[in-house]
Protein backbone atom coordinates (compact mmCIF):
# COMPACT_ATOMS: atom_id res chain seq x y z
CA UNK A 1 81.23 56.42 33.72
CA UNK A 2 79.26 59.54 34.65
CA UNK A 3 81.51 61.76 36.73
CA UNK A 4 84.55 59.61 35.97
CA UNK A 5 84.31 60.39 32.26
CA UNK A 6 83.50 64.02 32.95
CA UNK A 7 86.53 64.29 35.22
CA UNK A 8 88.75 62.53 32.68
CA UNK A 9 87.69 65.07 30.08
CA UNK A 10 88.27 68.07 32.33
CA UNK A 11 84.62 68.65 33.26
CA UNK A 12 83.50 68.83 36.86
CA UNK A 13 80.07 67.23 36.38
CA UNK A 14 77.52 66.29 33.78
CA UNK A 15 73.90 67.31 33.48
CA UNK A 16 71.04 65.01 32.61
CA UNK A 17 72.13 64.73 28.98
CA UNK A 18 75.72 64.11 28.05
CA UNK A 19 77.38 64.07 24.63
CA UNK A 20 80.41 61.78 24.51
CA UNK A 21 82.83 61.93 21.57
CA UNK A 22 84.29 58.50 20.86
CA UNK A 23 87.29 58.31 18.53
CA UNK A 24 87.49 54.95 16.82
CA UNK A 25 90.93 53.46 16.37
CA UNK A 26 91.65 51.89 12.99
CA UNK A 27 93.58 49.15 14.84
CA UNK A 28 90.45 47.59 16.36
CA UNK A 29 86.98 46.71 15.13
CA UNK A 30 84.51 49.57 15.70
CA UNK A 31 81.94 47.32 17.34
CA UNK A 32 84.49 46.16 19.94
CA UNK A 33 85.36 49.73 20.84
CA UNK A 34 81.75 50.85 21.03
CA UNK A 35 80.70 47.80 23.05
CA UNK A 36 83.17 48.79 25.77
CA UNK A 37 81.66 52.27 25.93
CA UNK A 38 78.11 50.86 26.01
CA UNK A 39 78.99 48.39 28.78
CA UNK A 40 80.53 51.14 30.92
CA UNK A 41 77.41 53.29 30.49
CA UNK A 42 75.15 50.40 31.41
CA UNK A 43 76.94 50.05 34.75
CA UNK A 44 75.91 53.64 35.50
CA UNK A 45 72.35 53.05 34.20
CA UNK A 46 72.78 55.59 31.43
CA UNK A 47 70.55 55.26 28.39
CA UNK A 48 71.64 55.93 24.84
CA UNK A 49 69.27 58.41 23.20
CA UNK A 50 71.16 59.29 20.03
CA UNK A 51 74.19 58.74 17.85
CA UNK A 52 75.90 61.00 15.34
CA UNK A 53 78.55 59.54 13.09
CA UNK A 54 80.56 60.43 10.05
CA UNK A 55 82.88 62.82 11.85
CA UNK A 56 86.07 63.81 10.03
CA UNK A 57 88.23 61.93 12.57
CA UNK A 58 86.19 58.76 12.06
CA UNK A 59 84.58 59.09 15.46
CA UNK A 60 81.02 59.17 16.67
CA UNK A 61 79.14 61.19 19.26
CA UNK A 62 76.96 59.23 21.66
CA UNK A 63 74.17 61.12 23.39
CA UNK A 64 73.31 59.77 26.85
CA UNK A 65 70.42 60.34 29.24
CA UNK A 66 72.13 60.08 32.62
CA UNK A 67 68.96 60.18 34.72
CA UNK A 68 67.80 56.91 36.21
CA UNK A 69 64.68 55.75 34.36
CA UNK A 70 61.28 56.02 36.02
CA UNK A 71 59.56 53.87 33.38
CA UNK A 72 56.70 56.36 33.21
CA UNK A 73 55.82 56.18 36.90
CA UNK A 74 55.05 59.42 38.67
CA UNK A 75 53.48 60.31 41.99
CA UNK A 76 50.30 61.40 40.17
CA UNK A 77 49.39 57.80 39.50
CA UNK A 78 49.75 56.45 42.99
CA UNK A 79 47.13 53.86 43.84
CA UNK A 80 45.25 54.31 47.07
CA UNK A 81 44.65 51.25 49.22
């Protein structure tokens, strides 16, 4: 989803944070449409950090952190043996 989405939208790459505009079709349930987007992001290990809705076109903006999580681990806390 990372560079594939960026390429599909005419961008060459994405930075750490990426805002994705999702237009919801009135022909399908919103949760079905959003679940597909969430599943695709999970495959790339992206993490949803924010959502903005209520756009005039009925869409939402999903804000992604595209960096792989470190779960708070840094080299400063390395244990010595």
